Protein backbone atom coordinates (compact mmCIF):
# COMPACT_ATOMS: atom_id res chain seq x y z
CA MET A 1 0.24 0.09 -0.14
CA GLU A 2 2.73 2.38 0.84
CA LEU A 3 4.49 2.03 -2.38
CA GLU A 4 1.63 2.36 -4.45
CA MET A 5 1.01 5.53 -2.81
CA LEU A 6 4.33 6.92 -3.45
CA LYS A 7 3.47 6.13 -7.16
CA TYR A 8 1.13 9.22 -6.67
CA LEU A 9 2.71 11.14 -4.02
CA ILE A 10 5.95 11.57 -5.90
CA PRO A 11 4.54 13.34 -9.04
CA ALA A 12 2.44 15.32 -6.61
CA LEU A 13 5.60 16.47 -4.84
CA ILE A 14 7.43 17.34 -7.65
CA MET A 15 4.33 19.09 -9.22
CA PHE A 16 3.96 21.22 -6.09
CA CYS A 17 7.68 21.99 -5.98
CA CYS A 18 8.00 23.19 -9.11
CA GLY A 19 5.10 25.48 -8.52
CA VAL A 20 7.00 26.89 -5.70
CA TYR A 21 9.89 27.60 -7.73
CA GLY A 22 7.86 29.11 -10.57
CA PHE A 23 5.96 31.31 -7.87
CA VAL A 24 9.07 32.58 -6.29
CA THR A 25 11.28 33.54 -9.59
CA ARG A 26 8.75 34.88 -12.09
CA LYS A 27 7.96 38.37 -12.52
CA ASN A 28 4.90 37.94 -14.79
CA LEU A 29 1.71 37.60 -13.17
CA ILE A 30 0.34 35.13 -15.35
CA ALA A 31 3.50 33.15 -14.82
CA ILE A 32 2.80 33.51 -11.32
CA LEU A 33 -0.94 32.43 -11.51
CA ILE A 34 -0.07 29.26 -13.41
CA SER A 35 2.74 28.36 -10.77
CA LEU A 36 -0.15 28.78 -8.04
CA GLU A 37 -2.25 26.67 -9.95
CA LEU A 38 0.41 23.84 -10.26
CA MET A 39 0.56 23.93 -6.81
CA LEU A 40 -3.31 23.86 -6.09
CA ASN A 41 -3.55 20.80 -8.36
CA ALA A 42 -0.67 19.12 -6.41
CA VAL A 43 -2.88 19.62 -3.40
CA ASP A 44 -5.86 18.30 -5.01
CA ILE A 45 -3.89 15.17 -5.96
CA ASN A 46 -2.98 14.32 -2.74
CA PHE A 47 -6.61 14.89 -1.41
CA VAL A 48 -7.58 12.42 -3.58
CA VAL A 49 -4.56 9.80 -3.00
CA PHE A 50 -5.11 10.01 0.81
CA ASN A 51 -8.88 9.41 0.56
CA ARG A 52 -8.54 6.58 -1.71
CA PHE A 53 -5.75 4.80 0.37
CA LEU A 54 -6.72 5.71 3.99
CA PHE A 55 -10.46 5.98 3.98
CA PRO A 56 -11.25 4.00 0.82
CA GLY A 57 -15.28 3.62 1.70
CA GLN A 58 -15.55 7.53 2.18
CA LEU A 59 -15.58 10.54 -0.06
CA GLU A 60 -14.48 13.30 1.82
CA GLY A 61 -11.12 13.67 -0.34
CA MET A 62 -13.28 13.81 -3.47
CA PHE A 63 -15.54 16.52 -1.81
CA PHE A 64 -12.32 18.42 -0.88
CA THR A 65 -11.01 18.17 -4.22
CA LEU A 66 -14.22 19.36 -6.12
CA PHE A 67 -14.50 22.12 -3.54
CA ALA A 68 -10.77 23.06 -4.23
CA ILE A 69 -11.23 23.08 -7.86
CA VAL A 70 -14.30 25.51 -7.79
CA LEU A 71 -12.44 27.94 -5.64
CA ALA A 72 -9.44 28.03 -7.89
CA ALA A 73 -11.54 28.29 -10.86
CA ALA A 74 -13.02 31.30 -9.13
CA GLU A 75 -9.82 32.52 -7.96
CA THR A 76 -8.54 32.46 -11.50
CA ALA A 77 -11.16 33.90 -13.19
CA LEU A 78 -11.09 36.99 -10.51
CA ALA A 79 -6.87 37.10 -10.92
CA ILE A 80 -7.47 37.38 -14.69
CA ALA A 81 -10.21 39.96 -14.61
CA ILE A 82 -7.32 41.79 -12.22
CA ILE A 83 -4.88 41.13 -14.46
CA VAL A 84 -6.34 42.23 -17.70
CA ASN A 85 -7.41 45.52 -15.89
CA LEU A 86 -3.76 46.33 -14.98
CA PHE A 87 -2.37 45.92 -18.18
CA ARG A 88 -5.10 48.12 -19.74
CA MET A 89 -4.41 50.83 -17.15
CA ALA A 90 -0.31 50.32 -17.05
CA LYS A 91 0.31 48.53 -19.99
CA ASN A 92 2.57 46.37 -17.93
CA VAL A 93 1.90 42.90 -16.11
CA ASP A 94 5.42 43.29 -14.59
CA VAL A 95 5.76 42.54 -10.41
CA ARG A 96 8.90 44.70 -10.42
CA ASN A 97 6.83 47.50 -11.28
CA VAL A 98 4.47 47.17 -8.80
CA ASN A 99 5.30 50.70 -7.40
CA LYS A 100 4.39 52.25 -10.82
CA MET A 101 1.11 50.35 -11.02
CA LYS A 102 -0.22 51.99 -7.99
CA PHE A 103 -2.62 54.76 -8.88
């Protein structure tokens, strides 16, 4: 059981680490948003794996995953709307110029 869980947890760990690296190193708001989504997807994989192997008859992990996907979709829509408005006003979506974007 532990070895079978590791087949799913190791790729989720790699996804999460790639998301953290992208979140820390990127300066573009769209790239930061993509990195954040990658981290959320890794967490969703963990929810499903732990539910499947620790509590196989229950669906709490699946419901948490569905709830997280809905929240991620709403967060992405809101973030993209904010980024589009920032681009329209400042003609820039670079994090380094955040002081220049203040209105």
